[in-house]
Protein backbone atom coordinates (compact mmCIF):
# COMPACT_ATOMS: atom_id res chain seq x y z
CA MET A 1 219.85 -106.90 157.38
CA LYS A 2 220.00 -103.47 155.77
CA ALA A 3 223.03 -101.42 155.83
CA ASN A 4 223.30 -97.84 157.17
CA THR A 5 221.08 -96.05 154.77
CA ALA A 6 223.35 -92.88 155.12
CA THR A 7 226.27 -94.69 153.56
CA VAL A 8 224.57 -96.53 150.74
CA THR A 9 225.28 -95.15 147.35
CA MET A 10 224.11 -95.72 143.83
CA ALA A 11 227.43 -97.56 143.17
CA ASP A 12 226.54 -99.97 146.14
CA VAL A 13 223.14 -100.70 144.55
CA ALA A 14 224.68 -101.21 141.05
CA ARG A 15 227.26 -103.70 142.48
CA ASP A 16 224.66 -105.68 144.49
CA ALA A 17 222.38 -105.79 141.44
CA ASP A 18 225.20 -106.54 139.00
CA VAL A 19 224.28 -103.59 136.80
CA SER A 20 225.95 -100.31 135.85
CA VAL A 21 225.48 -97.04 137.89
CA SER A 22 223.92 -95.60 134.84
CA SER A 23 221.31 -98.41 134.87
CA VAL A 24 220.50 -97.62 138.49
CA SER A 25 220.04 -93.87 137.72
CA ASN A 26 217.93 -94.68 134.68
CA TYR A 27 215.58 -96.87 137.07
CA LEU A 28 215.34 -94.18 139.64
CA HIS A 29 214.32 -91.58 137.08
CA GLY A 30 211.76 -94.02 135.56
CA ARG A 31 213.14 -94.18 132.12
CA PRO A 32 211.56 -96.70 129.88
CA TYR A 33 213.34 -99.46 127.73
CA MET A 34 214.66 -101.43 130.68
CA LYS A 35 214.25 -105.18 130.81
CA ALA A 36 212.02 -106.30 133.54
CA GLY A 37 214.61 -108.62 135.16
CA MET A 38 217.09 -105.93 135.50
CA ARG A 39 214.35 -103.67 136.88
CA ALA A 40 213.44 -106.27 139.41
CA ARG A 41 217.09 -106.80 140.45
CA ILE A 42 217.65 -103.08 141.03
CA ALA A 43 214.36 -102.75 143.04
CA ASP A 44 215.27 -105.78 145.23
CA SER A 45 218.80 -104.19 145.87
CA ILE A 46 217.35 -100.77 146.83
CA ASP A 47 215.15 -102.46 149.20
CA ARG A 48 217.51 -104.85 150.83
CA LEU A 49 220.34 -102.16 151.21
CA GLY A 50 217.86 -99.34 152.25
CA TYR A 51 219.15 -96.97 149.69
CA GLN A 52 217.53 -93.61 149.72
CA VAL A 53 217.69 -91.08 147.04
CA ASN A 54 219.00 -87.67 148.03
CA ALA A 55 216.01 -85.69 146.51
CA VAL A 56 217.46 -82.17 147.18
CA ALA A 57 220.73 -83.18 145.35
CA SER A 58 218.61 -84.76 142.67
CA ASN A 59 216.48 -81.80 142.14
CA LEU A 60 219.35 -79.40 142.12
CA ARG A 61 220.90 -81.52 139.13
CA SER A 62 217.76 -81.92 137.14
CA GLY A 63 216.45 -78.46 137.79
CA ARG A 64 213.33 -79.92 138.91
CA THR A 65 211.42 -79.43 142.12
CA HIS A 66 208.93 -82.39 141.87
CA LEU A 67 206.18 -79.83 142.93
CA LEU A 68 203.14 -79.00 140.88
CA LYS A 69 201.21 -75.80 141.59
CA LEU A 70 197.38 -75.98 141.54
CA SER A 71 195.61 -72.56 141.34
CA ILE A 72 191.85 -72.63 141.93
CA PRO A 73 189.24 -69.87 142.49
CA ASP A 74 187.92 -70.63 145.84
CA LEU A 75 188.88 -73.52 148.38
CA ARG A 76 185.56 -72.84 150.21
CA GLN A 77 183.57 -74.14 147.33
CA MET A 78 183.38 -77.83 148.07
CA TYR A 79 183.62 -78.81 144.32
CA PHE A 80 187.06 -77.18 144.25
CA SER A 81 188.21 -78.50 147.70
CA GLU A 82 187.25 -82.06 146.86
CA LEU A 83 189.06 -81.63 143.40
CA ALA A 84 192.08 -80.51 145.01
CA GLU A 85 192.39 -83.50 147.28
CA ASP A 86 191.98 -85.71 144.12
CA ILE A 87 194.89 -83.83 142.46
CA LEU A 88 196.91 -84.20 145.44
CA ALA A 89 196.30 -87.86 145.64
CA GLU A 90 196.99 -88.26 141.97
CA ALA A 91 200.18 -86.29 142.22
CA ARG A 92 201.46 -88.49 145.12
CA VAL A 93 201.09 -91.59 142.85
CA HIS A 94 203.68 -89.99 140.58
CA GLY A 95 206.05 -88.86 143.42
CA TYR A 96 205.06 -85.29 143.14
CA GLY A 97 203.97 -82.69 145.81
CA VAL A 98 201.42 -80.00 145.18
CA ILE A 99 201.42 -76.23 146.07
CA VAL A 100 197.74 -75.34 146.45
CA GLU A 101 196.79 -71.74 145.85
CA SER A 102 193.27 -70.14 146.13
CA THR A 103 192.74 -66.96 143.95
CA THR A 104 189.84 -66.14 146.08
CA ASN A 105 187.89 -65.15 143.05
CA SER A 106 190.15 -62.30 142.21
CA ARG A 107 191.48 -61.65 138.69
CA ASP A 108 194.65 -59.89 140.06
CA ARG A 109 195.43 -62.95 142.20
CA GLU A 110 194.99 -65.00 138.98
CA LEU A 111 197.54 -62.93 137.07
CA ASP A 112 199.79 -63.03 139.94
CA SER A 113 199.41 -66.86 140.19
CA VAL A 114 200.54 -67.21 136.50
CA ALA A 115 203.41 -64.71 137.06
CA SER A 116 205.00 -66.45 139.85
CA MET A 117 205.65 -69.42 137.57
CA GLY A 118 208.56 -67.42 136.33
CA THR A 119 210.28 -68.15 139.81
CA ARG A 120 210.42 -71.92 138.94
CA ALA A 121 209.17 -72.69 142.33
CA ALA A 122 207.26 -75.51 140.85
CA ASP A 123 207.65 -77.78 137.73
CA GLY A 124 204.18 -77.11 136.24
CA LEU A 125 200.86 -75.34 136.71
CA ILE A 126 197.36 -76.61 136.84
CA PHE A 127 195.22 -73.57 136.65
CA SER A 128 191.58 -72.93 136.79
CA PRO A 129 190.87 -69.26 135.72
CA LEU A 130 187.44 -67.59 136.64
CA LEU A 131 187.93 -63.91 135.96
CA MET A 132 190.78 -63.62 133.38
CA ASN A 133 189.45 -62.83 129.95
CA ASP A 134 190.69 -63.13 126.39
CA ASP A 135 192.71 -59.84 126.84
CA ASP A 136 194.73 -61.61 129.37
CA GLU A 137 195.81 -64.57 127.40
CA HIS A 138 199.25 -63.26 126.60
CA VAL A 139 200.25 -63.77 130.31
CA LEU A 140 200.04 -67.47 129.61
CA ASP A 141 203.00 -67.36 127.21
CA GLY A 142 206.09 -69.24 128.34
CA ASP A 143 207.77 -72.64 128.09
CA TYR A 144 206.52 -74.05 131.62
CA PRO A 145 204.14 -77.00 131.64
CA LEU A 146 200.60 -75.82 131.82
CA VAL A 147 197.22 -77.33 131.95
CA LEU A 148 194.05 -75.12 132.02
CA LEU A 149 190.70 -76.48 133.77
CA GLY A 150 187.52 -75.38 132.27
CA GLU A 151 186.69 -73.70 129.09
CA ARG A 152 187.89 -70.04 129.94
CA LEU A 153 190.71 -68.76 127.62
CA CYS A 154 189.80 -71.79 125.37
CA THR A 155 191.46 -70.17 122.40
CA ARG A 156 194.85 -70.40 123.93
CA LYS A 157 197.45 -73.02 122.46
CA VAL A 158 197.35 -75.05 125.79
CA THR A 159 195.78 -78.19 127.03
CA HIS A 160 192.56 -77.84 128.59
CA VAL A 161 190.86 -80.45 130.84
CA VAL A 162 187.04 -79.82 130.97
CA ILE A 163 183.81 -81.12 132.36
CA ALA A 164 181.38 -82.53 129.70
CA ASN A 165 179.22 -79.80 130.79
CA ARG A 166 176.86 -79.55 127.82
CA THR A 167 176.35 -83.31 127.48
CA ALA A 168 175.85 -83.57 131.25
CA ALA A 169 173.19 -80.78 131.45
CA HIS A 170 171.46 -82.32 128.51
CA ASP A 171 171.31 -85.76 130.27
CA ALA A 172 170.18 -84.27 133.58
CA THR A 173 167.36 -82.47 131.84
CA SER A 174 166.40 -85.43 129.58
CA HIS A 175 166.07 -87.43 132.86
CA LEU A 176 163.65 -84.94 134.23
CA ILE A 177 161.63 -85.09 130.86
CA ALA A 178 161.67 -88.90 130.96
CA ALA A 179 160.36 -88.66 134.65
CA GLY A 180 157.23 -86.77 133.27
CA CYS A 181 158.25 -83.17 133.92
CA ARG A 182 156.89 -80.68 131.43
CA SER A 183 157.72 -77.35 133.00
CA ILE A 184 161.59 -77.41 134.00
CA ALA A 185 163.14 -74.49 135.58
CA VAL A 186 166.87 -73.98 135.66
CA VAL A 187 168.50 -72.29 138.61
CA GLY A 188 171.71 -70.55 138.07
CA GLY A 189 171.65 -70.36 134.23
CA VAL A 190 171.85 -67.48 131.86
CA ARG A 191 168.93 -66.09 129.67
CA ALA A 192 171.24 -64.49 127.20
CA ILE A 193 174.02 -66.03 125.32
CA GLN A 194 177.34 -64.19 126.32
CA GLY A 195 180.61 -63.69 124.40
CA GLN A 196 182.84 -65.85 126.60
CA ALA A 197 182.28 -69.44 127.52
CA SER A 198 181.33 -70.30 131.20
CA SER A 199 179.81 -73.13 133.00
CA ARG A 200 176.74 -71.25 133.58
CA GLN A 201 176.29 -70.75 129.80
CA ILE A 202 177.20 -74.18 128.55
CA ARG A 203 175.05 -75.95 131.06
CA THR A 204 172.09 -73.71 130.06
CA GLU A 205 172.77 -74.69 126.50
CA GLY A 206 172.75 -78.18 127.34
CA TYR A 207 169.41 -77.89 129.05
CA ARG A 208 168.07 -76.02 126.03
CA ASP A 209 169.37 -78.80 123.77
CA ALA A 210 167.37 -81.34 125.80
CA LEU A 211 164.11 -79.43 125.47
CA ALA A 212 164.67 -79.15 121.77
CA SER A 213 165.43 -82.85 121.43
CA ALA A 214 162.12 -83.56 123.22
CA GLY A 215 160.06 -81.26 121.10
CA MET A 216 159.42 -78.83 124.14
CA GLY A 217 159.63 -75.12 123.90
CA TYR A 218 162.12 -73.00 125.51
CA ASP A 219 160.74 -70.38 128.11
CA PRO A 220 163.44 -67.88 129.19
CA GLU A 221 161.20 -66.99 132.18
CA LEU A 222 162.00 -70.55 133.67
CA VAL A 223 165.71 -69.62 133.71
CA TYR A 224 166.55 -68.23 137.12
CA GLU A 225 169.79 -66.30 136.96
CA THR A 226 171.54 -65.89 140.51
CA VAL A 227 174.27 -63.60 141.66
CA GLY A 228 176.14 -66.37 143.29
CA TRP A 229 176.26 -70.20 143.15
CA GLY A 230 175.53 -70.88 146.90
CA SER A 231 172.67 -72.25 148.84
CA GLU A 232 171.17 -68.89 149.75
CA ASP A 233 170.91 -68.23 146.04
CA GLY A 234 169.17 -71.33 145.43
CA ALA A 235 166.67 -70.67 148.09
CA GLU A 236 166.10 -67.14 146.86
CA ALA A 237 165.35 -68.45 143.29
CA VAL A 238 162.55 -70.65 144.84
CA ARG A 239 161.17 -67.58 146.56
CA ARG A 240 161.23 -65.92 143.16
CA MET A 241 159.45 -68.74 141.39
CA ILE A 242 156.69 -68.64 144.07
CA LEU A 243 156.20 -64.86 143.72
CA ASP A 244 156.22 -65.34 139.94
CA GLY A 245 153.53 -68.02 140.18
CA ALA A 246 155.74 -70.52 138.20
CA ARG A 247 154.17 -73.86 138.16
CA CYS A 248 157.44 -75.95 137.53
CA ASP A 249 157.48 -79.68 138.07
CA GLY A 250 161.33 -79.98 137.57
CA ILE A 251 164.23 -78.08 138.79
CA PHE A 252 167.59 -78.32 137.29
CA ALA A 253 170.13 -76.54 139.58
CA LEU A 254 173.50 -75.81 137.95
CA ASN A 255 175.54 -76.81 141.11
CA ASP A 256 174.85 -78.83 144.24
CA ARG A 257 175.04 -75.91 146.56
CA LEU A 258 172.30 -74.20 144.57
CA ALA A 259 170.40 -77.49 144.69
CA TRP A 260 170.66 -77.54 148.59
CA GLY A 261 169.08 -74.06 148.61
CA VAL A 262 166.38 -75.13 146.27
CA LEU A 263 165.51 -78.09 148.50
CA ARG A 264 165.50 -75.84 151.58
CA GLY A 265 163.16 -73.40 149.75
CA LEU A 266 160.68 -75.98 148.56
CA ARG A 267 160.41 -77.61 152.06
CA VAL A 268 159.70 -74.26 153.91
CA SER A 269 157.22 -73.40 151.20
CA GLY A 270 155.31 -76.78 151.89
CA ILE A 271 156.27 -78.14 148.36
CA ARG A 272 157.09 -81.91 148.35
CA CYS A 273 160.22 -83.29 146.58
CA PRO A 274 159.97 -85.31 144.60
CA GLY A 275 156.24 -85.57 144.85
CA ASP A 276 155.44 -82.08 143.58
CA VAL A 277 158.71 -81.13 142.15
CA ARG A 278 161.82 -83.16 141.06
CA VAL A 279 165.32 -81.63 141.56
CA VAL A 280 168.59 -82.38 140.04
CA GLY A 281 171.89 -80.81 140.83
CA PHE A 282 175.53 -80.76 139.43
CA ASP A 283 178.87 -81.59 140.93
CA ASP A 284 178.11 -84.71 143.23
CA VAL A 285 179.81 -83.25 146.34
CA ASP A 286 179.89 -85.48 149.25
CA GLU A 287 177.25 -83.90 151.34
CA SER A 288 174.62 -84.33 148.62
CA ALA A 289 174.10 -87.85 149.61
CA TYR A 290 173.02 -86.74 153.04
CA MET A 291 170.52 -83.98 152.18
CA VAL A 292 166.97 -84.48 153.04
CA PRO A 293 165.70 -85.83 150.31
CA SER A 294 169.22 -86.97 149.13
CA LEU A 295 170.11 -85.14 146.01
CA THR A 296 170.21 -86.63 142.38
CA THR A 297 173.05 -84.85 140.80
CA VAL A 298 175.58 -85.06 138.00
CA ASP A 299 178.98 -86.75 138.79
CA PRO A 300 181.48 -84.39 136.81
CA GLY A 301 184.25 -87.07 137.05
CA LYS A 302 186.49 -85.09 139.54
CA ARG A 303 188.82 -88.15 139.91
CA ASP A 304 189.09 -88.34 136.21
CA ILE A 305 189.85 -84.57 135.87
CA ALA A 306 192.66 -85.15 138.46
CA ARG A 307 194.08 -88.04 136.60
CA ILE A 308 194.04 -86.40 133.23
CA ALA A 309 195.35 -82.97 134.40
CA VAL A 310 198.20 -84.43 136.59
CA GLN A 311 199.20 -86.95 133.72
CA SER A 312 199.17 -84.14 131.20
CA VAL A 313 201.35 -81.83 133.14
CA ILE A 314 203.75 -84.48 134.23
CA ASP A 315 204.08 -85.55 130.45
CA GLN A 316 204.96 -81.98 129.67
CA ILE A 317 207.50 -82.00 132.24
CA THR A 318 209.08 -85.14 131.03
CA ARG A 319 208.97 -84.04 127.45
CA GLY A 320 210.21 -80.60 128.27
CA SER A 321 207.68 -78.68 126.16
CA ARG A 322 203.95 -77.70 126.43
CA GLY A 323 201.38 -79.99 125.57
CA PRO A 324 199.20 -79.67 122.36
CA ALA A 325 196.24 -77.32 122.22
CA GLY A 326 192.82 -78.92 122.59
CA MET A 327 190.19 -80.21 124.97
CA LEU A 328 190.55 -83.30 127.16
CA GLU A 329 186.96 -84.13 128.42
CA ALA A 330 186.19 -85.88 131.55
CA PRO A 331 183.26 -88.39 131.55
CA CYS A 332 180.12 -87.42 133.49
CA SER A 333 177.27 -89.56 134.87
CA LEU A 334 174.00 -89.12 136.85
CA VAL A 335 173.91 -90.15 140.32
CA PHE A 336 170.22 -91.14 141.12
CA ARG A 337 168.91 -90.36 144.59
CA GLU A 338 165.77 -89.54 146.27
CA SER A 339 165.21 -86.01 144.83
CA SER A 340 164.62 -87.31 141.52
CA PRO A 341 164.82 -91.29 141.30
CA ALA A 342 165.68 -93.09 138.19
CA VAL A 343 162.83 -93.82 135.78
């Protein structure tokens, strides 16, 4: 029978497990180099006695909150909301909570989010900048643990966790080529190469790489730029294709919401998918499996992104210093469904 948990101390656990109090403390803090037998005895004593860590006191002593901060552009975008859930789940595995903040596609809010790390309300920051540019890099100076998601501000000496955008776009386009498509439009891309990296640009480059690999010419008229990345933008792109008289037999939409709009635009125009036009999206958000037809899409490895980002920031917390500069790339894969079956 367990003792009154309010009165059980580390000293009680140490006596019960026949170890020192410092050994119990080392166990509770997850420190390495402890023999398996000692670790097992301490765990058994903690369980039988019902010892509970005083988290508040422990945090005050260590100067840690056991909270991470996740700052992302827009929780209304399903990719980011699903990624946030994966990061929350991964952090819980490590005993951390997460403060989730949406910067609502605002540069000022991105700057404020970074500045708030000076209050030490969280032990580390996982940050996905969208609108900050190279001139803002200095605001990332500091000693707090930091992981950037995506390619923005990629010259900064911090750890980046990125989607394999170029490779994934190449693979998606190559799939359409292998399926017999010879006129492939890209929705959401960019016609002109810009100075600063973005998902739009890198995925467009992957599309162009695949065309070149197959000996197919690049036609900028088949790149349909969009203002946003929503379903209405995808449907509008299809309307423009029809007005332009474009005769594409494959469409690569640079995210799933664009692809949903493409599917809708094709349907209302009487164009069959995949009979007349094959469609591939990017992000593999949950609802894509339930579109009509269900959407073939790129799985960007959200769970791997969450795992790598959380592990990296916690390693920095444990080490007490920023991680090394560089890119950590999550693996991508194609998920084949009805809009463009496997070949």
